[in-house]
PDB file of N, CA and C in Angstrom:
ATOM      1  N   MET A   1      -2.698 111.057  48.579  1.00  0.00           N
ATOM      2  CA  MET A   1      -3.388 110.418  47.475  1.00  0.00           C
ATOM      3  C   MET A   1      -4.378 111.357  46.790  1.00  0.00           C
ATOM      4  N   GLN A   2      -4.897 112.309  47.547  1.00  0.00           N
ATOM      5  CA  GLN A   2      -5.912 113.183  46.982  1.00  0.00           C
ATOM      6  C   GLN A   2      -5.377 113.987  45.804  1.00  0.00           C
ATOM      7  N   GLN A   3      -4.080 114.301  45.790  1.00  0.00           N
ATOM      8  CA  GLN A   3      -3.515 115.096  44.708  1.00  0.00           C
ATOM      9  C   GLN A   3      -3.045 114.230  43.545  1.00  0.00           C
ATOM     10  N   SER A   4      -3.006 112.939  43.722  1.00  0.00           N
ATOM     11  CA  SER A   4      -2.499 112.048  42.672  1.00  0.00           C
ATOM     12  C   SER A   4      -3.592 111.656  41.703  1.00  0.00           C
ATOM     13  N   ARG A   5      -3.198 111.463  40.470  1.00  0.00           N
ATOM     14  CA  ARG A   5      -4.121 110.941  39.457  1.00  0.00           C
ATOM     15  C   ARG A   5      -4.019 109.425  39.525  1.00  0.00           C
ATOM     16  N   LEU A   6      -5.135 108.780  39.850  1.00  0.00           N
ATOM     17  CA  LEU A   6      -5.135 107.338  40.046  1.00  0.00           C
ATOM     18  C   LEU A   6      -5.653 106.605  38.817  1.00  0.00           C
ATOM     19  N   ILE A   7      -5.063 105.462  38.569  1.00  0.00           N
ATOM     20  CA  ILE A   7      -5.531 104.514  37.557  1.00  0.00           C
ATOM     21  C   ILE A   7      -6.037 103.329  38.358  1.00  0.00           C
ATOM     22  N   ASP A   8      -7.308 103.017  38.225  1.00  0.00           N
ATOM     23  CA  ASP A   8      -7.912 102.010  39.100  1.00  0.00           C
ATOM     24  C   ASP A   8      -8.704 100.982  38.310  1.00  0.00           C
ATOM     25  N   ARG A   9      -8.999  99.894  38.989  1.00  0.00           N
ATOM     26  CA  ARG A   9      -9.897  98.889  38.419  1.00  0.00           C
ATOM     27  C   ARG A   9     -11.296  99.482  38.348  1.00  0.00           C
ATOM     28  N   GLN A  10     -12.014  99.119  37.318  1.00  0.00           N
ATOM     29  CA  GLN A  10     -13.366  99.645  37.175  1.00  0.00           C
ATOM     30  C   GLN A  10     -14.311  98.998  38.174  1.00  0.00           C
ATOM     31  N   HIS A  11     -14.236  97.717  38.337  1.00  0.00           N
ATOM     32  CA  HIS A  11     -15.090  96.978  39.258  1.00  0.00           C
ATOM     33  C   HIS A  11     -14.213  96.276  40.278  1.00  0.00           C
ATOM     34  N   SER A  12     -13.764  97.011  41.281  1.00  0.00           N
ATOM     35  CA  SER A  12     -12.913  96.423  42.304  1.00  0.00           C
ATOM     36  C   SER A  12     -13.756  95.542  43.207  1.00  0.00           C
ATOM     37  N   THR A  13     -13.420  94.277  43.255  1.00  0.00           N
ATOM     38  CA  THR A  13     -14.156  93.341  44.089  1.00  0.00           C
ATOM     39  C   THR A  13     -13.234  92.605  45.045  1.00  0.00           C
ATOM     40  N   SER A  14     -11.954  92.894  44.993  1.00  0.00           N
ATOM     41  CA  SER A  14     -11.002  92.258  45.886  1.00  0.00           C
ATOM     42  C   SER A  14      -9.915  93.271  46.211  1.00  0.00           C
ATOM     43  N   VAL A  15      -8.913  92.851  46.915  1.00  0.00           N
ATOM     44  CA  VAL A  15      -7.847  93.772  47.310  1.00  0.00           C
ATOM     45  C   VAL A  15      -6.903  93.967  46.135  1.00  0.00           C
ATOM     46  N   ARG A  16      -7.402  94.516  45.057  1.00  0.00           N
ATOM     47  CA  ARG A  16      -6.598  94.776  43.875  1.00  0.00           C
ATOM     48  C   ARG A  16      -6.716  96.215  43.398  1.00  0.00           C
ATOM     49  N   GLY A  17      -7.572  96.970  44.011  1.00  0.00           N
ATOM     50  CA  GLY A  17      -7.783  98.336  43.557  1.00  0.00           C
ATOM     51  C   GLY A  17      -7.513  99.335  44.667  1.00  0.00           C
ATOM     52  N   TRP A  18      -7.422 100.597  44.287  1.00  0.00           N
ATOM     53  CA  TRP A  18      -7.152 101.655  45.261  1.00  0.00           C
ATOM     54  C   TRP A  18      -8.218 101.720  46.336  1.00  0.00           C
ATOM     55  N   ARG A  19      -9.471 101.483  45.979  1.00  0.00           N
ATOM     56  CA  ARG A  19     -10.575 101.649  46.934  1.00  0.00           C
ATOM     57  C   ARG A  19     -10.498 100.674  48.106  1.00  0.00           C
ATOM     58  N   GLU A  20      -9.790  99.575  47.927  1.00  0.00           N
ATOM     59  CA  GLU A  20      -9.718  98.569  48.986  1.00  0.00           C
ATOM     60  C   GLU A  20      -8.524  98.743  49.922  1.00  0.00           C
ATOM     61  N   LEU A  21      -7.655  99.705  49.652  1.00  0.00           N
ATOM     62  CA  LEU A  21      -6.501  99.912  50.525  1.00  0.00           C
ATOM     63  C   LEU A  21      -6.945 100.468  51.863  1.00  0.00           C
ATOM     64  N   ALA A  22      -6.470  99.857  52.920  1.00  0.00           N
ATOM     65  CA  ALA A  22      -6.791 100.336  54.262  1.00  0.00           C
ATOM     66  C   ALA A  22      -5.951 101.571  54.570  1.00  0.00           C
ATOM     67  N   GLY A  23      -6.487 102.428  55.386  1.00  0.00           N
ATOM     68  CA  GLY A  23      -5.736 103.573  55.864  1.00  0.00           C
ATOM     69  C   GLY A  23      -5.784 104.804  54.975  1.00  0.00           C
ATOM     70  N   ILE A  24      -6.524 104.765  53.901  1.00  0.00           N
ATOM     71  CA  ILE A  24      -6.637 105.937  53.034  1.00  0.00           C
ATOM     72  C   ILE A  24      -8.001 106.583  53.288  1.00  0.00           C
ATOM     73  N   ASP A  25      -8.000 107.882  53.506  1.00  0.00           N
ATOM     74  CA  ASP A  25      -9.232 108.621  53.768  1.00  0.00           C
ATOM     75  C   ASP A  25      -9.924 108.915  52.433  1.00  0.00           C
ATOM     76  N   TRP A  26     -11.037 108.264  52.193  1.00  0.00           N
ATOM     77  CA  TRP A  26     -11.753 108.413  50.926  1.00  0.00           C
ATOM     78  C   TRP A  26     -12.931 109.380  51.044  1.00  0.00           C
ATOM     79  N   ARG A  27     -13.005 110.138  52.136  1.00  0.00           N
ATOM     80  CA  ARG A  27     -14.108 111.109  52.257  1.00  0.00           C
ATOM     81  C   ARG A  27     -14.011 112.189  51.191  1.00  0.00           C
ATOM     82  N   GLN A  28     -12.791 112.519  50.794  1.00  0.00           N
ATOM     83  CA  GLN A  28     -12.589 113.425  49.660  1.00  0.00           C
ATOM     84  C   GLN A  28     -12.148 112.549  48.500  1.00  0.00           C
ATOM     85  N   PRO A  29     -13.009 112.341  47.533  1.00  0.00           N
ATOM     86  CA  PRO A  29     -12.665 111.438  46.434  1.00  0.00           C
ATOM     87  C   PRO A  29     -11.396 111.884  45.710  1.00  0.00           C
ATOM     88  N   PRO A  30     -10.522 110.941  45.402  1.00  0.00           N
ATOM     89  CA  PRO A  30      -9.315 111.281  44.657  1.00  0.00           C
ATOM     90  C   PRO A  30      -9.644 111.538  43.191  1.00  0.00           C
ATOM     91  N   GLN A  31      -8.685 112.054  42.479  1.00  0.00           N
ATOM     92  CA  GLN A  31      -8.849 112.259  41.044  1.00  0.00           C
ATOM     93  C   GLN A  31      -8.525 110.936  40.350  1.00  0.00           C
ATOM     94  N   VAL A  32      -9.535 110.315  39.777  1.00  0.00           N
ATOM     95  CA  VAL A  32      -9.346 109.059  39.055  1.00  0.00           C
ATOM     96  C   VAL A  32      -9.186 109.400  37.575  1.00  0.00           C
ATOM     97  N   ALA A  33      -8.011 109.116  37.046  1.00  0.00           N
ATOM     98  CA  ALA A  33      -7.714 109.427  35.647  1.00  0.00           C
ATOM     99  C   ALA A  33      -8.287 108.374  34.710  1.00  0.00           C
ATOM    100  N   LEU A  34      -8.354 107.123  35.193  1.00  0.00           N
ATOM    101  CA  LEU A  34      -8.824 106.030  34.344  1.00  0.00           C
ATOM    102  C   LEU A  34      -9.318 104.895  35.210  1.00  0.00           C
ATOM    103  N   GLU A  35     -10.422 104.292  34.799  1.00  0.00           N
ATOM    104  CA  GLU A  35     -10.912 103.068  35.414  1.00  0.00           C
ATOM    105  C   GLU A  35     -11.017 102.020  34.316  1.00  0.00           C
ATOM    106  N   SER A  36     -10.374 100.885  34.537  1.00  0.00           N
ATOM    107  CA  SER A  36     -10.412  99.810  33.550  1.00  0.00           C
ATOM    108  C   SER A  36     -10.161  98.482  34.246  1.00  0.00           C
ATOM    109  N   ASN A  37     -10.843  97.454  33.802  1.00  0.00           N
ATOM    110  CA  ASN A  37     -10.592  96.117  34.325  1.00  0.00           C
ATOM    111  C   ASN A  37      -9.503  95.403  33.542  1.00  0.00           C
ATOM    112  N   ASP A  38      -9.002  96.031  32.499  1.00  0.00           N
ATOM    113  CA  ASP A  38      -7.965  95.417  31.676  1.00  0.00           C
ATOM    114  C   ASP A  38      -6.589  95.777  32.233  1.00  0.00           C
ATOM    115  N   CYS A  39      -5.865  94.761  32.672  1.00  0.00           N
ATOM    116  CA  CYS A  39      -4.555  94.957  33.290  1.00  0.00           C
ATOM    117  C   CYS A  39      -3.569  95.631  32.332  1.00  0.00           C
ATOM    118  N   ASP A  40      -3.556  95.223  31.077  1.00  0.00           N
ATOM    119  CA  ASP A  40      -2.639  95.826  30.109  1.00  0.00           C
ATOM    120  C   ASP A  40      -2.944  97.300  29.879  1.00  0.00           C
ATOM    121  N   THR A  41      -4.208  97.658  29.858  1.00  0.00           N
ATOM    122  CA  THR A  41      -4.589  99.057  29.680  1.00  0.00           C
ATOM    123  C   THR A  41      -4.069  99.892  30.837  1.00  0.00           C
ATOM    124  N   ARG A  42      -4.260  99.419  32.063  1.00  0.00           N
ATOM    125  CA  ARG A  42      -3.778 100.163  33.227  1.00  0.00           C
ATOM    126  C   ARG A  42      -2.254 100.262  33.216  1.00  0.00           C
ATOM    127  N   ARG A  43      -1.582  99.179  32.865  1.00  0.00           N
ATOM    128  CA  ARG A  43      -0.117  99.165  32.814  1.00  0.00           C
ATOM    129  C   ARG A  43       0.400 100.156  31.780  1.00  0.00           C
ATOM    130  N   LEU A  44      -0.169 100.134  30.576  1.00  0.00           N
ATOM    131  CA  LEU A  44       0.271 101.033  29.512  1.00  0.00           C
ATOM    132  C   LEU A  44      -0.002 102.495  29.859  1.00  0.00           C
ATOM    133  N   CYS A  45      -1.137 102.767  30.472  1.00  0.00           N
ATOM    134  CA  CYS A  45      -1.445 104.146  30.860  1.00  0.00           C
ATOM    135  C   CYS A  45      -0.484 104.647  31.936  1.00  0.00           C
ATOM    136  N   ALA A  46      -0.123 103.789  32.873  1.00  0.00           N
ATOM    137  CA  ALA A  46       0.862 104.182  33.886  1.00  0.00           C
ATOM    138  C   ALA A  46       2.215 104.438  33.235  1.00  0.00           C
ATOM    139  N   ALA A  47       2.602 103.586  32.298  1.00  0.00           N
ATOM    140  CA  ALA A  47       3.883 103.752  31.602  1.00  0.00           C
ATOM    141  C   ALA A  47       3.920 105.041  30.787  1.00  0.00           C
ATOM    142  N   ARG A  48       2.763 105.518  30.343  1.00  0.00           N
ATOM    143  CA  ARG A  48       2.697 106.752  29.554  1.00  0.00           C
ATOM    144  C   ARG A  48       2.528 107.996  30.425  1.00  0.00           C
ATOM    145  N   GLY A  49       2.455 107.791  31.757  1.00  0.00           N
ATOM    146  CA  GLY A  49       2.391 108.929  32.664  1.00  0.00           C
ATOM    147  C   GLY A  49       1.003 109.443  32.967  1.00  0.00           C
ATOM    148  N   LEU A  50      -0.032 108.674  32.673  1.00  0.00           N
ATOM    149  CA  LEU A  50      -1.395 109.126  32.929  1.00  0.00           C
ATOM    150  C   LEU A  50      -1.685 109.237  34.429  1.00  0.00           C
ATOM    151  N   GLY A  51      -1.063 108.401  35.223  1.00  0.00           N
ATOM    152  CA  GLY A  51      -1.299 108.414  36.664  1.00  0.00           C
ATOM    153  C   GLY A  51      -0.573 107.266  37.316  1.00  0.00           C
ATOM    154  N   ILE A  52      -0.932 107.006  38.576  1.00  0.00           N
ATOM    155  CA  ILE A  52      -0.315 105.892  39.290  1.00  0.00           C
ATOM    156  C   ILE A  52      -1.317 104.754  39.410  1.00  0.00           C
ATOM    157  N   ALA A  53      -0.822 103.556  39.199  1.00  0.00           N
ATOM    158  CA  ALA A  53      -1.683 102.375  39.184  1.00  0.00           C
ATOM    159  C   ALA A  53      -1.235 101.390  40.250  1.00  0.00           C
ATOM    160  N   LEU A  54      -2.177 100.733  40.853  1.00  0.00           N
ATOM    161  CA  LEU A  54      -1.921  99.661  41.796  1.00  0.00           C
ATOM    162  C   LEU A  54      -2.013  98.368  40.989  1.00  0.00           C
ATOM    163  N   MET A  55      -0.864  97.767  40.706  1.00  0.00           N
ATOM    164  CA  MET A  55      -0.800  96.653  39.759  1.00  0.00           C
ATOM    165  C   MET A  55      -0.195  95.412  40.398  1.00  0.00           C
ATOM    166  N   PRO A  56      -0.626  94.230  39.936  1.00  0.00           N
ATOM    167  CA  PRO A  56       0.044  93.010  40.391  1.00  0.00           C
ATOM    168  C   PRO A  56       1.455  92.950  39.820  1.00  0.00           C
ATOM    169  N   ASN A  57       2.392  92.463  40.627  1.00  0.00           N
ATOM    170  CA  ASN A  57       3.786  92.475  40.181  1.00  0.00           C
ATOM    171  C   ASN A  57       4.036  91.603  38.960  1.00  0.00           C
ATOM    172  N   TRP A  58       3.260  90.561  38.749  1.00  0.00           N
ATOM    173  CA  TRP A  58       3.478  89.705  37.588  1.00  0.00           C
ATOM    174  C   TRP A  58       3.153  90.432  36.280  1.00  0.00           C
ATOM    175  N   ALA A  59       2.366  91.507  36.369  1.00  0.00           N
ATOM    176  CA  ALA A  59       1.949  92.221  35.159  1.00  0.00           C
ATOM    177  C   ALA A  59       2.917  93.324  34.746  1.00  0.00           C
ATOM    178  N   ILE A  60       3.848  93.684  35.615  1.00  0.00           N
ATOM    179  CA  ILE A  60       4.681  94.855  35.336  1.00  0.00           C
ATOM    180  C   ILE A  60       6.171  94.572  35.321  1.00  0.00           C
ATOM    181  N   GLY A  61       6.580  93.327  35.498  1.00  0.00           N
ATOM    182  CA  GLY A  61       8.000  92.989  35.607  1.00  0.00           C
ATOM    183  C   GLY A  61       8.847  93.495  34.462  1.00  0.00           C
ATOM    184  N   GLU A  62       8.392  93.298  33.250  1.00  0.00           N
ATOM    185  CA  GLU A  62       9.155  93.740  32.080  1.00  0.00           C
ATOM    186  C   GLU A  62       9.267  95.261  32.039  1.00  0.00           C
ATOM    187  N   ASP A  63       8.171  95.953  32.360  1.00  0.00           N
ATOM    188  CA  ASP A  63       8.193  97.417  32.360  1.00  0.00           C
ATOM    189  C   ASP A  63       9.083  97.967  33.474  1.00  0.00           C
ATOM    190  N   LEU A  64       9.077  97.321  34.630  1.00  0.00           N
ATOM    191  CA  LEU A  64       9.964  97.748  35.713  1.00  0.00           C
ATOM    192  C   LEU A  64      11.421  97.581  35.309  1.00  0.00           C
ATOM    193  N   ALA A  65      11.748  96.415  34.755  1.00  0.00           N
ATOM    194  CA  ALA A  65      13.128  96.140  34.358  1.00  0.00           C
ATOM    195  C   ALA A  65      13.606  97.112  33.284  1.00  0.00           C
ATOM    196  N   ALA A  66      12.711  97.515  32.394  1.00  0.00           N
ATOM    197  CA  ALA A  66      13.078  98.428  31.304  1.00  0.00           C
ATOM    198  C   ALA A  66      13.030  99.896  31.727  1.00  0.00           C
ATOM    199  N   GLY A  67      12.537 100.175  32.930  1.00  0.00           N
ATOM    200  CA  GLY A  67      12.472 101.559  33.402  1.00  0.00           C
ATOM    201  C   GLY A  67      11.293 102.346  32.871  1.00  0.00           C
ATOM    202  N   ARG A  68      10.327 101.666  32.251  1.00  0.00           N
ATOM    203  CA  ARG A  68       9.154 102.380  31.732  1.00  0.00           C
ATOM    204  C   ARG A  68       8.209 102.799  32.851  1.00  0.00           C
ATOM    205  N   ILE A  69       8.233 102.057  33.959  1.00  0.00           N
ATOM    206  CA  ILE A  69       7.488 102.430  35.157  1.00  0.00           C
ATOM    207  C   ILE A  69       8.387 102.187  36.367  1.00  0.00           C
ATOM    208  N   VAL A  70       8.071 102.829  37.454  1.00  0.00           N
ATOM    209  CA  VAL A  70       8.842 102.661  38.679  1.00  0.00           C
ATOM    210  C   VAL A  70       7.906 102.236  39.798  1.00  0.00           C
ATOM    211  N   ALA A  71       8.430 101.455  40.718  1.00  0.00           N
ATOM    212  CA  ALA A  71       7.653 101.026  41.874  1.00  0.00           C
ATOM    213  C   ALA A  71       7.676 102.139  42.911  1.00  0.00           C
ATOM    214  N   LEU A  72       6.528 102.461  43.454  1.00  0.00           N
ATOM    215  CA  LEU A  72       6.411 103.469  44.500  1.00  0.00           C
ATOM    216  C   LEU A  72       6.084 102.781  45.807  1.00  0.00           C
ATOM    217  N   GLN A  73       6.636 103.270  46.883  1.00  0.00           N
ATOM    218  CA  GLN A  73       6.295 102.759  48.207  1.00  0.00           C
ATOM    219  C   GLN A  73       5.335 103.744  48.847  1.00  0.00           C
ATOM    220  N   LEU A  74       4.133 103.290  49.146  1.00  0.00           N
ATOM    221  CA  LEU A  74       3.156 104.161  49.790  1.00  0.00           C
ATOM    222  C   LEU A  74       3.544 104.357  51.250  1.00  0.00           C
ATOM    223  N   GLU A  75       3.356 105.581  51.740  1.00  0.00           N
ATOM    224  CA  GLU A  75       3.688 105.889  53.124  1.00  0.00           C
ATOM    225  C   GLU A  75       2.928 104.968  54.069  1.00  0.00           C
ATOM    226  N   ASP A  76       3.636 104.373  54.996  1.00  0.00           N
ATOM    227  CA  ASP A  76       3.068 103.484  56.017  1.00  0.00           C
ATOM    228  C   ASP A  76       2.425 102.226  55.449  1.00  0.00           C
ATOM    229  N   ALA A  77       2.670 101.907  54.202  1.00  0.00           N
ATOM    230  CA  ALA A  77       2.100 100.695  53.612  1.00  0.00           C
ATOM    231  C   ALA A  77       3.170  99.603  53.592  1.00  0.00           C
ATOM    232  N   PRO A  78       2.773  98.378  53.890  1.00  0.00           N
ATOM    233  CA  PRO A  78       3.761  97.295  53.800  1.00  0.00           C
ATOM    234  C   PRO A  78       4.135  97.065  52.341  1.00  0.00           C
ATOM    235  N   PRO A  79       5.327  96.538  52.076  1.00  0.00           N
ATOM    236  CA  PRO A  79       5.698  96.227  50.686  1.00  0.00           C
ATOM    237  C   PRO A  79       4.695  95.253  50.074  1.00  0.00           C
ATOM    238  N   ALA A  80       4.486  95.381  48.790  1.00  0.00           N
ATOM    239  CA  ALA A  80       3.542  94.506  48.099  1.00  0.00           C
ATOM    240  C   ALA A  80       4.035  93.061  48.142  1.00  0.00           C
ATOM    241  N   GLU A  81       3.121  92.161  48.376  1.00  0.00           N
ATOM    242  CA  GLU A  81       3.463  90.748  48.348  1.00  0.00           C
ATOM    243  C   GLU A  81       3.575  90.284  46.909  1.00  0.00           C
ATOM    244  N   VAL A  82       4.424  89.297  46.692  1.00  0.00           N
ATOM    245  CA  VAL A  82       4.546  88.719  45.363  1.00  0.00           C
ATOM    246  C   VAL A  82       3.261  87.959  45.073  1.00  0.00           C
ATOM    247  N   SER A  83       2.681  88.232  43.930  1.00  0.00           N
ATOM    248  CA  SER A  83       1.451  87.540  43.543  1.00  0.00           C
ATOM    249  C   SER A  83       1.735  86.730  42.295  1.00  0.00           C
ATOM    250  N   GLY A  84       0.762  86.000  41.844  1.00  0.00           N
ATOM    251  CA  GLY A  84       0.990  85.190  40.658  1.00  0.00           C
ATOM    252  C   GLY A  84      -0.293  84.775  39.985  1.00  0.00           C
ATOM    253  N   ILE A  85      -0.117  84.051  38.927  1.00  0.00           N
ATOM    254  CA  ILE A  85      -1.233  83.451  38.197  1.00  0.00           C
ATOM    255  C   ILE A  85      -1.049  81.951  38.327  1.00  0.00           C
ATOM    256  N   HIS A  86      -2.129  81.264  38.590  1.00  0.00           N
ATOM    257  CA  HIS A  86      -2.065  79.821  38.750  1.00  0.00           C
ATOM    258  C   HIS A  86      -2.905  79.159  37.673  1.00  0.00           C
ATOM    259  N   LEU A  87      -2.315  78.229  36.986  1.00  0.00           N
ATOM    260  CA  LEU A  87      -3.015  77.481  35.950  1.00  0.00           C
ATOM    261  C   LEU A  87      -3.449  76.151  36.542  1.00  0.00           C
ATOM    262  N   LEU A  88      -4.739  75.910  36.555  1.00  0.00           N
ATOM    263  CA  LEU A  88      -5.285  74.661  37.071  1.00  0.00           C
ATOM    264  C   LEU A  88      -5.891  73.881  35.917  1.00  0.00           C
ATOM    265  N   ARG A  89      -5.550  72.600  35.860  1.00  0.00           N
ATOM    266  CA  ARG A  89      -6.102  71.748  34.818  1.00  0.00           C
ATOM    267  C   ARG A  89      -6.180  70.330  35.363  1.00  0.00           C
ATOM    268  N   PRO A  90      -6.950  69.476  34.731  1.00  0.00           N
ATOM    269  CA  PRO A  90      -7.025  68.088  35.187  1.00  0.00           C
ATOM    270  C   PRO A  90      -5.654  67.415  35.076  1.00  0.00           C
ATOM    271  N   SER A  91      -5.434  66.458  35.954  1.00  0.00           N
ATOM    272  CA  SER A  91      -4.164  65.732  35.894  1.00  0.00           C
ATOM    273  C   SER A  91      -4.124  64.876  34.627  1.00  0.00           C
ATOM    274  N   GLY A  92      -2.969  64.383  34.329  1.00  0.00           N
ATOM    275  CA  GLY A  92      -2.794  63.605  33.101  1.00  0.00           C
ATOM    276  C   GLY A  92      -2.116  64.447  32.042  1.00  0.00           C
ATOM    277  N   LYS A  93      -1.875  63.848  30.930  1.00  0.00           N
ATOM    278  CA  LYS A  93      -1.179  64.540  29.848  1.00  0.00           C
ATOM    279  C   LYS A  93      -2.098  65.583  29.208  1.00  0.00           C
ATOM    280  N   ALA A  94      -1.561  66.786  29.076  1.00  0.00           N
ATOM    281  CA  ALA A  94      -2.326  67.872  28.465  1.00  0.00           C
ATOM    282  C   ALA A  94      -2.266  67.752  26.948  1.00  0.00           C
ATOM    283  N   ASN A  95      -3.344  68.195  26.294  1.00  0.00           N
ATOM    284  CA  ASN A  95      -3.333  68.182  24.833  1.00  0.00           C
ATOM    285  C   ASN A  95      -2.469  69.331  24.316  1.00  0.00           C
ATOM    286  N   ALA A  96      -2.265  69.384  23.032  1.00  0.00           N
ATOM    287  CA  ALA A  96      -1.357  70.360  22.425  1.00  0.00           C
ATOM    288  C   ALA A  96      -1.795  71.798  22.697  1.00  0.00           C
ATOM    289  N   LYS A  97      -3.099  72.065  22.674  1.00  0.00           N
ATOM    290  CA  LYS A  97      -3.587  73.433  22.917  1.00  0.00           C
ATOM    291  C   LYS A  97      -3.289  73.868  24.353  1.00  0.00           C
ATOM    292  N   VAL A  98      -3.516  72.983  25.296  1.00  0.00           N
ATOM    293  CA  VAL A  98      -3.259  73.314  26.701  1.00  0.00           C
ATOM    294  C   VAL A  98      -1.762  73.487  26.929  1.00  0.00           C
ATOM    295  N   ARG A  99      -0.938  72.646  26.345  1.00  0.00           N
ATOM    296  CA  ARG A  99       0.518  72.786  26.468  1.00  0.00           C
ATOM    297  C   ARG A  99       0.984  74.122  25.873  1.00  0.00           C
ATOM    298  N   ALA A 100       0.456  74.479  24.710  1.00  0.00           N
ATOM    299  CA  ALA A 100       0.837  75.742  24.060  1.00  0.00           C
ATOM    300  C   ALA A 100       0.425  76.928  24.927  1.00  0.00           C
ATOM    301  N   PHE A 101      -0.782  76.876  25.482  1.00  0.00           N
ATOM    302  CA  PHE A 101      -1.247  77.960  26.340  1.00  0.00           C
ATOM    303  C   PHE A 101      -0.392  78.044  27.601  1.00  0.00           C
ATOM    304  N   THR A 102      -0.067  76.904  28.190  1.00  0.00           N
ATOM    305  CA  THR A 102       0.767  76.870  29.394  1.00  0.00           C
ATOM    306  C   THR A 102       2.127  77.490  29.124  1.00  0.00           C
ATOM    307  N   GLU A 103       2.742  77.150  28.010  1.00  0.00           N
ATOM    308  CA  GLU A 103       4.050  77.712  27.658  1.00  0.00           C
ATOM    309  C   GLU A 103       3.947  79.228  27.431  1.00  0.00           C
ATOM    310  N   HIS A 104       2.875  79.651  26.752  1.00  0.00           N
ATOM    311  CA  HIS A 104       2.674  81.078  26.504  1.00  0.00           C
ATOM    312  C   HIS A 104       2.485  81.833  27.826  1.00  0.00           C
ATOM    313  N   LEU A 105       1.675  81.296  28.708  1.00  0.00           N
ATOM    314  CA  LEU A 105       1.429  81.932  29.998  1.00  0.00           C
ATOM    315  C   LEU A 105       2.726  82.038  30.808  1.00  0.00           C
ATOM    316  N   ALA A 106       3.510  80.983  30.824  1.00  0.00           N
ATOM    317  CA  ALA A 106       4.776  81.003  31.546  1.00  0.00           C
ATOM    318  C   ALA A 106       5.722  82.049  30.951  1.00  0.00           C
ATOM    319  N   MET A 107       5.760  82.145  29.639  1.00  0.00           N
ATOM    320  CA  MET A 107       6.640  83.110  28.980  1.00  0.00           C
ATOM    321  C   MET A 107       6.200  84.555  29.300  1.00  0.00           C
ATOM    322  N   CYS A 108       4.893  84.790  29.279  1.00  0.00           N
ATOM    323  CA  CYS A 108       4.380  86.154  29.485  1.00  0.00           C
ATOM    324  C   CYS A 108       4.446  86.619  30.933  1.00  0.00           C
ATOM    325  N   THR A 109       4.468  85.702  31.874  1.00  0.00           N
ATOM    326  CA  THR A 109       4.431  86.092  33.276  1.00  0.00           C
ATOM    327  C   THR A 109       5.744  85.837  34.002  1.00  0.00           C
ATOM    328  N   ALA A 110       6.740  85.317  33.309  1.00  0.00           N
ATOM    329  CA  ALA A 110       8.038  85.057  33.943  1.00  0.00           C
ATOM    330  C   ALA A 110       8.676  86.376  34.337  1.00  0.00           C
ATOM    331  N   PRO A 111       9.379  86.375  35.471  1.00  0.00           N
ATOM    332  CA  PRO A 111      10.077  87.614  35.865  1.00  0.00           C
ATOM    333  C   PRO A 111      11.072  88.033  34.783  1.00  0.00           C
ATOM    334  N   ALA A 112      11.163  89.314  34.585  1.00  0.00           N
ATOM    335  CA  ALA A 112      12.104  89.831  33.599  1.00  0.00           C
ATOM    336  C   ALA A 112      13.536  89.649  34.096  1.00  0.00           C
ATOM    337  N   ALA A 113      14.429  89.348  33.185  1.00  0.00           N
ATOM    338  CA  ALA A 113      15.836  89.216  33.541  1.00  0.00           C
ATOM    339  C   ALA A 113      16.397  90.592  33.857  1.00  0.00           C
ATOM    340  N   PRO A 114      17.278  90.677  34.857  1.00  0.00           N
ATOM    341  CA  PRO A 114      17.867  91.988  35.173  1.00  0.00           C
ATOM    342  C   PRO A 114      18.625  92.559  33.983  1.00  0.00           C
ATOM    343  N   ALA A 115      18.515  93.868  33.820  1.00  0.00           N
ATOM    344  CA  ALA A 115      19.179  94.531  32.675  1.00  0.00           C
ATOM    345  C   ALA A 115      20.640  94.763  32.947  1.00  0.00           C
TER     346      ALA A 115
END
């Protein structure tokens, strides 16, 4: 990892960034090419070759399917678990804005169809 250019979350507070991975020796700081809390920014920078990013699978499905980015398996690391986004709202019929947002969210996060 020390030789790799990393794309990381700016404020890592959960197991979503490079700094939280167990088993990596951080005594020698890695080369961080970019820090951003914006998922799209990290995804686009990885797709452009700026470095390697630790990304949730729901954010990269379309890019993986299109070959713009590739999944890497870290040595001795378990495969990434499937993650997701959960929409929580009060029960009952949703208004038009909530329905539109729900449909948009489902469309944007749905797994990409195989090419």
